Amino acid sequence: MIARLRLFWRDALALLFAVGDRRTPGRARLAALLALAYALSPVDLIPDVVPLAGWGDDLLVVPTILALAARGLPAPVLAHARVRSTLLQRRLPWLLPLLGLLVLLAAGVLIWGLLRALGS
């Protein structure tokens, strides 16, 4: 499970590096930016306030769009971006656990807010 998460994290980071590369085709760049916008947007297919299902669409839609974007990248661009991603991960080994902690903290605050709103 952790190994898959690390590979996903490496490839998601690599895709962000590839967006800035001039050799990246416009379709792949657009798909990567669309995935980022969807992940950060408050508008979702299923609202995040719906327990589990709200986050489930993010966990399905964003990786799917990222995978489609990665398929559109030329092999040298993807290889270079993966190397940059791996180097960044080696320099910042605390980045992934910190991100996981932030997600857990955000989930806790959301649940706390929902319980307070429902209890009032």
PDB file of N, CA and C in Angstrom:
ATOM      1  N   MET A   1       0.828  -1.198   0.000  1.00  0.00           N
ATOM      2  CA  MET A   1       0.000   0.000   0.000  1.00  0.00           C
ATOM      3  C   MET A   1       0.870   1.259   0.000  1.00  0.00           C
ATOM      4  N   ILE A   2       1.856   1.317   0.904  1.00  0.00           N
ATOM      5  CA  ILE A   2       2.740   2.481   0.984  1.00  0.00           C
ATOM      6  C   ILE A   2       3.571   2.602  -0.280  1.00  0.00           C
ATOM      7  N   ALA A   3       3.994   1.471  -0.844  1.00  0.00           N
ATOM      8  CA  ALA A   3       4.787   1.511  -2.075  1.00  0.00           C
ATOM      9  C   ALA A   3       3.969   2.094  -3.221  1.00  0.00           C
ATOM     10  N   ARG A   4       2.704   1.712  -3.310  1.00  0.00           N
ATOM     11  CA  ARG A   4       1.839   2.265  -4.361  1.00  0.00           C
ATOM     12  C   ARG A   4       1.627   3.750  -4.163  1.00  0.00           C
ATOM     13  N   LEU A   5       1.444   4.149  -2.916  1.00  0.00           N
ATOM     14  CA  LEU A   5       1.249   5.559  -2.619  1.00  0.00           C
ATOM     15  C   LEU A   5       2.489   6.367  -2.990  1.00  0.00           C
ATOM     16  N   ARG A   6       3.653   5.814  -2.717  1.00  0.00           N
ATOM     17  CA  ARG A   6       4.897   6.504  -3.092  1.00  0.00           C
ATOM     18  C   ARG A   6       5.034   6.636  -4.606  1.00  0.00           C
ATOM     19  N   LEU A   7       4.674   5.571  -5.331  1.00  0.00           N
ATOM     20  CA  LEU A   7       4.731   5.644  -6.797  1.00  0.00           C
ATOM     21  C   LEU A   7       3.741   6.671  -7.332  1.00  0.00           C
ATOM     22  N   PHE A   8       2.526   6.694  -6.756  1.00  0.00           N
ATOM     23  CA  PHE A   8       1.538   7.680  -7.184  1.00  0.00           C
ATOM     24  C   PHE A   8       2.049   9.084  -6.890  1.00  0.00           C
ATOM     25  N   TRP A   9       2.592   9.291  -5.692  1.00  0.00           N
ATOM     26  CA  TRP A   9       3.120  10.598  -5.302  1.00  0.00           C
ATOM     27  C   TRP A   9       4.251  11.016  -6.245  1.00  0.00           C
ATOM     28  N   ARG A  10       5.154  10.068  -6.566  1.00  0.00           N
ATOM     29  CA  ARG A  10       6.261  10.373  -7.470  1.00  0.00           C
ATOM     30  C   ARG A  10       5.730  10.789  -8.833  1.00  0.00           C
ATOM     31  N   ASP A  11       4.753  10.044  -9.345  1.00  0.00           N
ATOM     32  CA  ASP A  11       4.235  10.352 -10.675  1.00  0.00           C
ATOM     33  C   ASP A  11       3.404  11.627 -10.694  1.00  0.00           C
ATOM     34  N   ALA A  12       2.657  11.896  -9.625  1.00  0.00           N
ATOM     35  CA  ALA A  12       1.889  13.145  -9.562  1.00  0.00           C
ATOM     36  C   ALA A  12       2.841  14.334  -9.516  1.00  0.00           C
ATOM     37  N   LEU A  13       3.893  14.215  -8.738  1.00  0.00           N
ATOM     38  CA  LEU A  13       4.892  15.281  -8.660  1.00  0.00           C
ATOM     39  C   LEU A  13       5.618  15.427  -9.992  1.00  0.00           C
ATOM     40  N   ALA A  14       5.925  14.294 -10.617  1.00  0.00           N
ATOM     41  CA  ALA A  14       6.585  14.323 -11.924  1.00  0.00           C
ATOM     42  C   ALA A  14       5.710  15.013 -12.957  1.00  0.00           C
ATOM     43  N   LEU A  15       4.424  14.766 -12.895  1.00  0.00           N
ATOM     44  CA  LEU A  15       3.519  15.407 -13.847  1.00  0.00           C
ATOM     45  C   LEU A  15       3.501  16.917 -13.653  1.00  0.00           C
ATOM     46  N   LEU A  16       3.576  17.348 -12.410  1.00  0.00           N
ATOM     47  CA  LEU A  16       3.642  18.789 -12.164  1.00  0.00           C
ATOM     48  C   LEU A  16       4.937  19.379 -12.715  1.00  0.00           C
ATOM     49  N   PHE A  17       6.035  18.642 -12.598  1.00  0.00           N
ATOM     50  CA  PHE A  17       7.294  19.105 -13.198  1.00  0.00           C
ATOM     51  C   PHE A  17       7.183  19.122 -14.719  1.00  0.00           C
ATOM     52  N   ALA A  18       6.518  18.122 -15.293  1.00  0.00           N
ATOM     53  CA  ALA A  18       6.394  18.030 -16.748  1.00  0.00           C
ATOM     54  C   ALA A  18       5.530  19.138 -17.325  1.00  0.00           C
ATOM     55  N   VAL A  19       4.585  19.656 -16.535  1.00  0.00           N
ATOM     56  CA  VAL A  19       3.731  20.749 -17.019  1.00  0.00           C
ATOM     57  C   VAL A  19       4.584  21.958 -17.409  1.00  0.00           C
ATOM     58  N   GLY A  20       5.651  22.183 -16.667  1.00  0.00           N
ATOM     59  CA  GLY A  20       6.516  23.328 -16.954  1.00  0.00           C
ATOM     60  C   GLY A  20       7.514  23.097 -18.066  1.00  0.00           C
ATOM     61  N   ASP A  21       7.623  21.888 -18.580  1.00  0.00           N
ATOM     62  CA  ASP A  21       8.574  21.559 -19.634  1.00  0.00           C
ATOM     63  C   ASP A  21       8.014  21.985 -20.982  1.00  0.00           C
ATOM     64  N   ARG A  22       8.827  22.607 -21.792  1.00  0.00           N
ATOM     65  CA  ARG A  22       8.378  23.087 -23.118  1.00  0.00           C
ATOM     66  C   ARG A  22       8.017  21.945 -24.064  1.00  0.00           C
ATOM     67  N   ARG A  23       8.591  20.779 -23.813  1.00  0.00           N
ATOM     68  CA  ARG A  23       8.340  19.639 -24.696  1.00  0.00           C
ATOM     69  C   ARG A  23       7.010  18.947 -24.399  1.00  0.00           C
ATOM     70  N   THR A  24       6.338  19.359 -23.353  1.00  0.00           N
ATOM     71  CA  THR A  24       5.062  18.739 -22.978  1.00  0.00           C
ATOM     72  C   THR A  24       3.965  19.193 -23.937  1.00  0.00           C
ATOM     73  N   PRO A  25       3.247  18.239 -24.535  1.00  0.00           N
ATOM     74  CA  PRO A  25       2.155  18.616 -25.439  1.00  0.00           C
ATOM     75  C   PRO A  25       1.040  19.356 -24.696  1.00  0.00           C
ATOM     76  N   GLY A  26       0.334  20.187 -25.418  1.00  0.00           N
ATOM     77  CA  GLY A  26      -0.722  20.991 -24.825  1.00  0.00           C
ATOM     78  C   GLY A  26      -1.829  20.165 -24.190  1.00  0.00           C
ATOM     79  N   ARG A  27      -2.174  19.015 -24.800  1.00  0.00           N
ATOM     80  CA  ARG A  27      -3.235  18.172 -24.236  1.00  0.00           C
ATOM     81  C   ARG A  27      -2.848  17.603 -22.877  1.00  0.00           C
ATOM     82  N   ALA A  28      -1.601  17.160 -22.751  1.00  0.00           N
ATOM     83  CA  ALA A  28      -1.138  16.610 -21.476  1.00  0.00           C
ATOM     84  C   ALA A  28      -1.065  17.720 -20.423  1.00  0.00           C
ATOM     85  N   ARG A  29      -0.608  18.885 -20.842  1.00  0.00           N
ATOM     86  CA  ARG A  29      -0.533  20.021 -19.918  1.00  0.00           C
ATOM     87  C   ARG A  29      -1.938  20.419 -19.443  1.00  0.00           C
ATOM     88  N   LEU A  30      -2.871  20.455 -20.375  1.00  0.00           N
ATOM     89  CA  LEU A  30      -4.243  20.806 -20.026  1.00  0.00           C
ATOM     90  C   LEU A  30      -4.863  19.773 -19.076  1.00  0.00           C
ATOM     91  N   ALA A  31      -4.627  18.486 -19.335  1.00  0.00           N
ATOM     92  CA  ALA A  31      -5.168  17.431 -18.472  1.00  0.00           C
ATOM     93  C   ALA A  31      -4.576  17.526 -17.063  1.00  0.00           C
ATOM     94  N   ALA A  32      -3.282  17.778 -16.957  1.00  0.00           N
ATOM     95  CA  ALA A  32      -2.647  17.899 -15.640  1.00  0.00           C
ATOM     96  C   ALA A  32      -3.196  19.107 -14.889  1.00  0.00           C
ATOM     97  N   LEU A  33      -3.363  20.212 -15.568  1.00  0.00           N
ATOM     98  CA  LEU A  33      -3.905  21.402 -14.924  1.00  0.00           C
ATOM     99  C   LEU A  33      -5.378  21.205 -14.553  1.00  0.00           C
ATOM    100  N   LEU A  34      -6.107  20.455 -15.380  1.00  0.00           N
ATOM    101  CA  LEU A  34      -7.495  20.142 -15.066  1.00  0.00           C
ATOM    102  C   LEU A  34      -7.586  19.287 -13.796  1.00  0.00           C
ATOM    103  N   ALA A  35      -6.705  18.301 -13.672  1.00  0.00           N
ATOM    104  CA  ALA A  35      -6.687  17.454 -12.473  1.00  0.00           C
ATOM    105  C   ALA A  35      -6.365  18.283 -11.237  1.00  0.00           C
ATOM    106  N   LEU A  36      -5.404  19.187 -11.352  1.00  0.00           N
ATOM    107  CA  LEU A  36      -5.040  20.049 -10.234  1.00  0.00           C
ATOM    108  C   LEU A  36      -6.200  20.968  -9.866  1.00  0.00           C
ATOM    109  N   ALA A  37      -6.843  21.542 -10.874  1.00  0.00           N
ATOM    110  CA  ALA A  37      -7.974  22.432 -10.615  1.00  0.00           C
ATOM    111  C   ALA A  37      -9.125  21.671  -9.964  1.00  0.00           C
ATOM    112  N   TYR A  38      -9.378  20.448 -10.418  1.00  0.00           N
ATOM    113  CA  TYR A  38     -10.458  19.655  -9.828  1.00  0.00           C
ATOM    114  C   TYR A  38     -10.147  19.309  -8.379  1.00  0.00           C
ATOM    115  N   ALA A  39      -8.882  18.967  -8.109  1.00  0.00           N
ATOM    116  CA  ALA A  39      -8.500  18.605  -6.744  1.00  0.00           C
ATOM    117  C   ALA A  39      -8.627  19.795  -5.796  1.00  0.00           C
ATOM    118  N   LEU A  40      -8.336  20.991  -6.281  1.00  0.00           N
ATOM    119  CA  LEU A  40      -8.375  22.180  -5.428  1.00  0.00           C
ATOM    120  C   LEU A  40      -9.719  22.895  -5.434  1.00  0.00           C
ATOM    121  N   SER A  41     -10.553  22.590  -6.410  1.00  0.00           N
ATOM    122  CA  SER A  41     -11.830  23.278  -6.556  1.00  0.00           C
ATOM    123  C   SER A  41     -12.828  22.845  -5.484  1.00  0.00           C
ATOM    124  N   PRO A  42     -13.615  23.789  -5.000  1.00  0.00           N
ATOM    125  CA  PRO A  42     -14.657  23.412  -4.051  1.00  0.00           C
ATOM    126  C   PRO A  42     -15.858  22.747  -4.737  1.00  0.00           C
ATOM    127  N   VAL A  43     -15.913  22.804  -6.051  1.00  0.00           N
ATOM    128  CA  VAL A  43     -17.004  22.189  -6.807  1.00  0.00           C
ATOM    129  C   VAL A  43     -16.579  20.773  -7.200  1.00  0.00           C
ATOM    130  N   ASP A  44     -17.354  19.771  -6.778  1.00  0.00           N
ATOM    131  CA  ASP A  44     -17.055  18.368  -7.060  1.00  0.00           C
ATOM    132  C   ASP A  44     -18.280  17.694  -7.652  1.00  0.00           C
ATOM    133  N   LEU A  45     -18.067  16.510  -8.225  1.00  0.00           N
ATOM    134  CA  LEU A  45     -19.199  15.715  -8.693  1.00  0.00           C
ATOM    135  C   LEU A  45     -20.082  15.321  -7.519  1.00  0.00           C
ATOM    136  N   ILE A  46     -19.439  14.887  -6.437  1.00  0.00           N
ATOM    137  CA  ILE A  46     -20.136  14.572  -5.189  1.00  0.00           C
ATOM    138  C   ILE A  46     -19.550  15.502  -4.138  1.00  0.00           C
ATOM    139  N   PRO A  47     -20.360  16.332  -3.497  1.00  0.00           N
ATOM    140  CA  PRO A  47     -19.812  17.290  -2.530  1.00  0.00           C
ATOM    141  C   PRO A  47     -19.027  16.593  -1.412  1.00  0.00           C
ATOM    142  N   ASP A  48     -17.969  17.248  -0.940  1.00  0.00           N
ATOM    143  CA  ASP A  48     -17.110  16.670   0.085  1.00  0.00           C
ATOM    144  C   ASP A  48     -17.803  16.513   1.430  1.00  0.00           C
ATOM    145  N   VAL A  49     -18.930  17.182   1.630  1.00  0.00           N
ATOM    146  CA  VAL A  49     -19.631  17.051   2.901  1.00  0.00           C
ATOM    147  C   VAL A  49     -20.352  15.706   3.020  1.00  0.00           C
ATOM    148  N   VAL A  50     -20.530  14.985   1.898  1.00  0.00           N
ATOM    149  CA  VAL A  50     -21.123  13.650   1.948  1.00  0.00           C
ATOM    150  C   VAL A  50     -20.032  12.714   2.472  1.00  0.00           C
ATOM    151  N   PRO A  51     -20.268  12.066   3.609  1.00  0.00           N
ATOM    152  CA  PRO A  51     -19.209  11.231   4.213  1.00  0.00           C
ATOM    153  C   PRO A  51     -18.685  10.163   3.254  1.00  0.00           C
ATOM    154  N   LEU A  52     -17.385  10.067   3.165  1.00  0.00           N
ATOM    155  CA  LEU A  52     -16.632   9.108   2.354  1.00  0.00           C
ATOM    156  C   LEU A  52     -16.868   9.234   0.856  1.00  0.00           C
ATOM    157  N   ALA A  53     -18.081   9.304   0.407  1.00  0.00           N
ATOM    158  CA  ALA A  53     -18.350   9.397  -1.031  1.00  0.00           C
ATOM    159  C   ALA A  53     -17.827  10.712  -1.595  1.00  0.00           C
ATOM    160  N   GLY A  54     -17.860  11.765  -0.803  1.00  0.00           N
ATOM    161  CA  GLY A  54     -17.371  13.064  -1.253  1.00  0.00           C
ATOM    162  C   GLY A  54     -15.889  13.054  -1.554  1.00  0.00           C
ATOM    163  N   TRP A  55     -15.141  12.307  -0.746  1.00  0.00           N
ATOM    164  CA  TRP A  55     -13.700  12.200  -1.005  1.00  0.00           C
ATOM    165  C   TRP A  55     -13.413  11.106  -2.016  1.00  0.00           C
ATOM    166  N   GLY A  56     -14.320  10.157  -2.128  1.00  0.00           N
ATOM    167  CA  GLY A  56     -14.131   9.056  -3.059  1.00  0.00           C
ATOM    168  C   GLY A  56     -14.052   9.506  -4.502  1.00  0.00           C
ATOM    169  N   ASP A  57     -14.865  10.502  -4.862  1.00  0.00           N
ATOM    170  CA  ASP A  57     -14.793  10.974  -6.251  1.00  0.00           C
ATOM    171  C   ASP A  57     -13.453  11.639  -6.515  1.00  0.00           C
ATOM    172  N   ASP A  58     -12.905  12.347  -5.532  1.00  0.00           N
ATOM    173  CA  ASP A  58     -11.580  12.946  -5.705  1.00  0.00           C
ATOM    174  C   ASP A  58     -10.519  11.863  -5.859  1.00  0.00           C
ATOM    175  N   LEU A  59     -10.658  10.787  -5.098  1.00  0.00           N
ATOM    176  CA  LEU A  59      -9.686   9.696  -5.148  1.00  0.00           C
ATOM    177  C   LEU A  59      -9.768   8.895  -6.441  1.00  0.00           C
ATOM    178  N   LEU A  60     -10.868   9.025  -7.168  1.00  0.00           N
ATOM    179  CA  LEU A  60     -10.999   8.337  -8.452  1.00  0.00           C
ATOM    180  C   LEU A  60     -10.745   9.258  -9.636  1.00  0.00           C
ATOM    181  N   VAL A  61     -11.315  10.448  -9.595  1.00  0.00           N
ATOM    182  CA  VAL A  61     -11.241  11.360 -10.741  1.00  0.00           C
ATOM    183  C   VAL A  61      -9.823  11.908 -10.937  1.00  0.00           C
ATOM    184  N   VAL A  62      -9.216  12.397  -9.873  1.00  0.00           N
ATOM    185  CA  VAL A  62      -7.896  13.034 -10.005  1.00  0.00           C
ATOM    186  C   VAL A  62      -6.837  12.046 -10.500  1.00  0.00           C
ATOM    187  N   PRO A  63      -6.672  10.853  -9.894  1.00  0.00           N
ATOM    188  CA  PRO A  63      -5.668   9.930 -10.434  1.00  0.00           C
ATOM    189  C   PRO A  63      -5.956   9.494 -11.868  1.00  0.00           C
ATOM    190  N   THR A  64      -7.228   9.376 -12.233  1.00  0.00           N
ATOM    191  CA  THR A  64      -7.573   8.987 -13.603  1.00  0.00           C
ATOM    192  C   THR A  64      -7.134  10.060 -14.592  1.00  0.00           C
ATOM    193  N   ILE A  65      -7.415  11.311 -14.271  1.00  0.00           N
ATOM    194  CA  ILE A  65      -7.003  12.400 -15.158  1.00  0.00           C
ATOM    195  C   ILE A  65      -5.483  12.493 -15.221  1.00  0.00           C
ATOM    196  N   LEU A  66      -4.817  12.305 -14.069  1.00  0.00           N
ATOM    197  CA  LEU A  66      -3.351  12.340 -14.050  1.00  0.00           C
ATOM    198  C   LEU A  66      -2.765  11.210 -14.894  1.00  0.00           C
ATOM    199  N   ALA A  67      -3.356  10.020 -14.832  1.00  0.00           N
ATOM    200  CA  ALA A  67      -2.865   8.899 -15.636  1.00  0.00           C
ATOM    201  C   ALA A  67      -3.034   9.176 -17.123  1.00  0.00           C
ATOM    202  N   LEU A  68      -4.159   9.767 -17.495  1.00  0.00           N
ATOM    203  CA  LEU A  68      -4.370  10.118 -18.906  1.00  0.00           C
ATOM    204  C   LEU A  68      -3.381  11.183 -19.359  1.00  0.00           C
ATOM    205  N   ALA A  69      -3.096  12.127 -18.486  1.00  0.00           N
ATOM    206  CA  ALA A  69      -2.123  13.169 -18.834  1.00  0.00           C
ATOM    207  C   ALA A  69      -0.730  12.564 -18.996  1.00  0.00           C
ATOM    208  N   ALA A  70      -0.365  11.640 -18.114  1.00  0.00           N
ATOM    209  CA  ALA A  70       0.964  11.019 -18.188  1.00  0.00           C
ATOM    210  C   ALA A  70       1.121  10.208 -19.469  1.00  0.00           C
ATOM    211  N   ARG A  71       0.035   9.617 -19.951  1.00  0.00           N
ATOM    212  CA  ARG A  71       0.114   8.852 -21.210  1.00  0.00           C
ATOM    213  C   ARG A  71       0.432   9.750 -22.395  1.00  0.00           C
ATOM    214  N   GLY A  72       0.065  11.011 -22.298  1.00  0.00           N
ATOM    215  CA  GLY A  72       0.307  11.937 -23.396  1.00  0.00           C
ATOM    216  C   GLY A  72       1.685  12.575 -23.388  1.00  0.00           C
ATOM    217  N   LEU A  73       2.501  12.213 -22.405  1.00  0.00           N
ATOM    218  CA  LEU A  73       3.839  12.803 -22.313  1.00  0.00           C
ATOM    219  C   LEU A  73       4.840  12.008 -23.143  1.00  0.00           C
ATOM    220  N   PRO A  74       5.755  12.699 -23.813  1.00  0.00           N
ATOM    221  CA  PRO A  74       6.853  11.984 -24.479  1.00  0.00           C
ATOM    222  C   PRO A  74       7.723  11.293 -23.425  1.00  0.00           C
ATOM    223  N   ALA A  75       8.276  10.150 -23.770  1.00  0.00           N
ATOM    224  CA  ALA A  75       9.070   9.360 -22.817  1.00  0.00           C
ATOM    225  C   ALA A  75      10.225  10.154 -22.195  1.00  0.00           C
ATOM    226  N   PRO A  76      10.991  10.943 -22.964  1.00  0.00           N
ATOM    227  CA  PRO A  76      12.093  11.694 -22.334  1.00  0.00           C
ATOM    228  C   PRO A  76      11.610  12.732 -21.311  1.00  0.00           C
ATOM    229  N   VAL A  77      10.483  13.353 -21.591  1.00  0.00           N
ATOM    230  CA  VAL A  77       9.934  14.347 -20.666  1.00  0.00           C
ATOM    231  C   VAL A  77       9.517  13.669 -19.371  1.00  0.00           C
ATOM    232  N   LEU A  78       8.816  12.537 -19.482  1.00  0.00           N
ATOM    233  CA  LEU A  78       8.363  11.810 -18.297  1.00  0.00           C
ATOM    234  C   LEU A  78       9.552  11.293 -17.490  1.00  0.00           C
ATOM    235  N   ALA A  79      10.572  10.768 -18.173  1.00  0.00           N
ATOM    236  CA  ALA A  79      11.757  10.252 -17.471  1.00  0.00           C
ATOM    237  C   ALA A  79      12.470  11.373 -16.714  1.00  0.00           C
ATOM    238  N   HIS A  80      12.640  12.518 -17.359  1.00  0.00           N
ATOM    239  CA  HIS A  80      13.309  13.658 -16.709  1.00  0.00           C
ATOM    240  C   HIS A  80      12.486  14.162 -15.522  1.00  0.00           C
ATOM    241  N   ALA A  81      11.186  14.221 -15.693  1.00  0.00           N
ATOM    242  CA  ALA A  81      10.320  14.688 -14.611  1.00  0.00           C
ATOM    243  C   ALA A  81      10.329  13.705 -13.443  1.00  0.00           C
ATOM    244  N   ARG A  82      10.385  12.404 -13.716  1.00  0.00           N
ATOM    245  CA  ARG A  82      10.447  11.413 -12.636  1.00  0.00           C
ATOM    246  C   ARG A  82      11.759  11.520 -11.865  1.00  0.00           C
ATOM    247  N   VAL A  83      12.850  11.786 -12.566  1.00  0.00           N
ATOM    248  CA  VAL A  83      14.135  11.972 -11.889  1.00  0.00           C
ATOM    249  C   VAL A  83      14.058  13.186 -10.965  1.00  0.00           C
ATOM    250  N   ARG A  84      13.512  14.283 -11.455  1.00  0.00           N
ATOM    251  CA  ARG A  84      13.363  15.482 -10.609  1.00  0.00           C
ATOM    252  C   ARG A  84      12.471  15.206  -9.405  1.00  0.00           C
ATOM    253  N   SER A  85      11.408  14.447  -9.625  1.00  0.00           N
ATOM    254  CA  SER A  85      10.499  14.105  -8.537  1.00  0.00           C
ATOM    255  C   SER A  85      11.199  13.246  -7.483  1.00  0.00           C
ATOM    256  N   THR A  86      11.951  12.256  -7.930  1.00  0.00           N
ATOM    257  CA  THR A  86      12.670  11.378  -7.007  1.00  0.00           C
ATOM    258  C   THR A  86      13.711  12.166  -6.214  1.00  0.00           C
ATOM    259  N   LEU A  87      14.425  13.070  -6.874  1.00  0.00           N
ATOM    260  CA  LEU A  87      15.418  13.888  -6.167  1.00  0.00           C
ATOM    261  C   LEU A  87      14.762  14.768  -5.108  1.00  0.00           C
ATOM    262  N   LEU A  88      13.610  15.333  -5.436  1.00  0.00           N
ATOM    263  CA  LEU A  88      12.906  16.154  -4.461  1.00  0.00           C
ATOM    264  C   LEU A  88      12.460  15.315  -3.268  1.00  0.00           C
ATOM    265  N   GLN A  89      11.965  14.120  -3.540  1.00  0.00           N
ATOM    266  CA  GLN A  89      11.511  13.251  -2.451  1.00  0.00           C
ATOM    267  C   GLN A  89      12.668  12.820  -1.560  1.00  0.00           C
ATOM    268  N   ARG A  90      13.844  12.658  -2.127  1.00  0.00           N
ATOM    269  CA  ARG A  90      15.009  12.290  -1.310  1.00  0.00           C
ATOM    270  C   ARG A  90      15.439  13.450  -0.425  1.00  0.00           C
ATOM    271  N   ARG A  91      15.309  14.662  -0.927  1.00  0.00           N
ATOM    272  CA  ARG A  91      15.701  15.833  -0.133  1.00  0.00           C
ATOM    273  C   ARG A  91      14.674  16.163   0.929  1.00  0.00           C
ATOM    274  N   LEU A  92      13.434  15.825   0.673  1.00  0.00           N
ATOM    275  CA  LEU A  92      12.365  16.160   1.609  1.00  0.00           C
ATOM    276  C   LEU A  92      11.615  14.890   2.034  1.00  0.00           C
ATOM    277  N   PRO A  93      12.255  14.014   2.814  1.00  0.00           N
ATOM    278  CA  PRO A  93      11.600  12.756   3.161  1.00  0.00           C
ATOM    279  C   PRO A  93      10.383  12.937   4.063  1.00  0.00           C
ATOM    280  N   TRP A  94      10.240  14.074   4.666  1.00  0.00           N
ATOM    281  CA  TRP A  94       9.122  14.339   5.567  1.00  0.00           C
ATOM    282  C   TRP A  94       7.903  14.864   4.824  1.00  0.00           C
ATOM    283  N   LEU A  95       8.022  15.126   3.539  1.00  0.00           N
ATOM    284  CA  LEU A  95       6.935  15.742   2.786  1.00  0.00           C
ATOM    285  C   LEU A  95       5.682  14.865   2.727  1.00  0.00           C
ATOM    286  N   LEU A  96       5.834  13.587   2.423  1.00  0.00           N
ATOM    287  CA  LEU A  96       4.665  12.703   2.318  1.00  0.00           C
ATOM    288  C   LEU A  96       3.983  12.483   3.670  1.00  0.00           C
ATOM    289  N   PRO A  97       4.730  12.173   4.733  1.00  0.00           N
ATOM    290  CA  PRO A  97       4.047  12.044   6.032  1.00  0.00           C
ATOM    291  C   PRO A  97       3.383  13.345   6.471  1.00  0.00           C
ATOM    292  N   LEU A  98       3.997  14.472   6.178  1.00  0.00           N
ATOM    293  CA  LEU A  98       3.393  15.755   6.530  1.00  0.00           C
ATOM    294  C   LEU A  98       2.091  15.962   5.758  1.00  0.00           C
ATOM    295  N   LEU A  99       2.095  15.612   4.496  1.00  0.00           N
ATOM    296  CA  LEU A  99       0.875  15.726   3.699  1.00  0.00           C
ATOM    297  C   LEU A  99      -0.221  14.816   4.257  1.00  0.00           C
ATOM    298  N   GLY A 100       0.154  13.595   4.631  1.00  0.00           N
ATOM    299  CA  GLY A 100      -0.816  12.683   5.235  1.00  0.00           C
ATOM    300  C   GLY A 100      -1.366  13.228   6.543  1.00  0.00           C
ATOM    301  N   LEU A 101      -0.506  13.822   7.346  1.00  0.00           N
ATOM    302  CA  LEU A 101      -0.939  14.419   8.607  1.00  0.00           C
ATOM    303  C   LEU A 101      -1.898  15.577   8.361  1.00  0.00           C
ATOM    304  N   LEU A 102      -1.603  16.390   7.353  1.00  0.00           N
ATOM    305  CA  LEU A 102      -2.491  17.507   7.025  1.00  0.00           C
ATOM    306  C   LEU A 102      -3.857  17.019   6.546  1.00  0.00           C
ATOM    307  N   VAL A 103      -3.868  15.944   5.783  1.00  0.00           N
ATOM    308  CA  VAL A 103      -5.143  15.386   5.320  1.00  0.00           C
ATOM    309  C   VAL A 103      -5.950  14.867   6.508  1.00  0.00           C
ATOM    310  N   LEU A 104      -5.282  14.167   7.424  1.00  0.00           N
ATOM    311  CA  LEU A 104      -5.973  13.671   8.615  1.00  0.00           C
ATOM    312  C   LEU A 104      -6.485  14.816   9.478  1.00  0.00           C
ATOM    313  N   LEU A 105      -5.688  15.850   9.614  1.00  0.00           N
ATOM    314  CA  LEU A 105      -6.100  17.015  10.396  1.00  0.00           C
ATOM    315  C   LEU A 105      -7.310  17.691   9.750  1.00  0.00           C
ATOM    316  N   ALA A 106      -7.273  17.847   8.431  1.00  0.00           N
ATOM    317  CA  ALA A 106      -8.401  18.460   7.728  1.00  0.00           C
ATOM    318  C   ALA A 106      -9.659  17.607   7.870  1.00  0.00           C
ATOM    319  N   ALA A 107      -9.506  16.292   7.797  1.00  0.00           N
ATOM    320  CA  ALA A 107     -10.657  15.405   7.967  1.00  0.00           C
ATOM    321  C   ALA A 107     -11.211  15.529   9.378  1.00  0.00           C
ATOM    322  N   GLY A 108     -10.332  15.615  10.356  1.00  0.00           N
ATOM    323  CA  GLY A 108     -10.779  15.770  11.733  1.00  0.00           C
ATOM    324  C   GLY A 108     -11.532  17.068  11.955  1.00  0.00           C
ATOM    325  N   VAL A 109     -11.016  18.143  11.388  1.00  0.00           N
ATOM    326  CA  VAL A 109     -11.692  19.445  11.518  1.00  0.00           C
ATOM    327  C   VAL A 109     -13.043  19.413  10.809  1.00  0.00           C
ATOM    328  N   LEU A 110     -13.097  18.773   9.657  1.00  0.00           N
ATOM    329  CA  LEU A 110     -14.362  18.666   8.922  1.00  0.00           C
ATOM    330  C   LEU A 110     -15.389  17.865   9.716  1.00  0.00           C
ATOM    331  N   ILE A 111     -14.961  16.753  10.260  1.00  0.00           N
ATOM    332  CA  ILE A 111     -15.877  15.933  11.056  1.00  0.00           C
ATOM    333  C   ILE A 111     -16.325  16.693  12.303  1.00  0.00           C
ATOM    334  N   TRP A 112     -15.405  17.362  12.963  1.00  0.00           N
ATOM    335  CA  TRP A 112     -15.742  18.159  14.146  1.00  0.00           C
ATOM    336  C   TRP A 112     -16.763  19.244  13.781  1.00  0.00           C
ATOM    337  N   GLY A 113     -16.540  19.920  12.654  1.00  0.00           N
ATOM    338  CA  GLY A 113     -17.467  20.958  12.209  1.00  0.00           C
ATOM    339  C   GLY A 113     -18.845  20.397  11.890  1.00  0.00           C
ATOM    340  N   LEU A 114     -18.871  19.241  11.243  1.00  0.00           N
ATOM    341  CA  LEU A 114     -20.155  18.611  10.937  1.00  0.00           C
ATOM    342  C   LEU A 114     -20.892  18.207  12.204  1.00  0.00           C
ATOM    343  N   LEU A 115     -20.171  17.654  13.167  1.00  0.00           N
ATOM    344  CA  LEU A 115     -20.809  17.259  14.429  1.00  0.00           C
ATOM    345  C   LEU A 115     -21.343  18.468  15.187  1.00  0.00           C
ATOM    346  N   ARG A 116     -20.605  19.552  15.172  1.00  0.00           N
ATOM    347  CA  ARG A 116     -21.080  20.781  15.833  1.00  0.00           C
ATOM    348  C   ARG A 116     -22.293  21.333  15.116  1.00  0.00           C
ATOM    349  N   ALA A 117     -22.277  21.311  13.793  1.00  0.00           N
ATOM    350  CA  ALA A 117     -23.416  21.846  13.032  1.00  0.00           C
ATOM    351  C   ALA A 117     -24.655  20.990  13.230  1.00  0.00           C
ATOM    352  N   LEU A 118     -24.487  19.695  13.283  1.00  0.00           N
ATOM    353  CA  LEU A 118     -25.626  18.798  13.484  1.00  0.00           C
ATOM    354  C   LEU A 118     -26.123  18.816  14.922  1.00  0.00           C
ATOM    355  N   GLY A 119     -25.236  19.104  15.858  1.00  0.00           N
ATOM    356  CA  GLY A 119     -25.615  19.125  17.264  1.00  0.00           C
ATOM    357  C   GLY A 119     -26.300  20.421  17.688  1.00  0.00           C
ATOM    358  N   SER A 120     -26.183  21.456  16.899  1.00  0.00           N
ATOM    359  CA  SER A 120     -26.768  22.743  17.274  1.00  0.00           C
ATOM    360  C   SER A 120     -28.248  22.794  17.040  1.00  0.00           C
TER     361      SER A 120
END
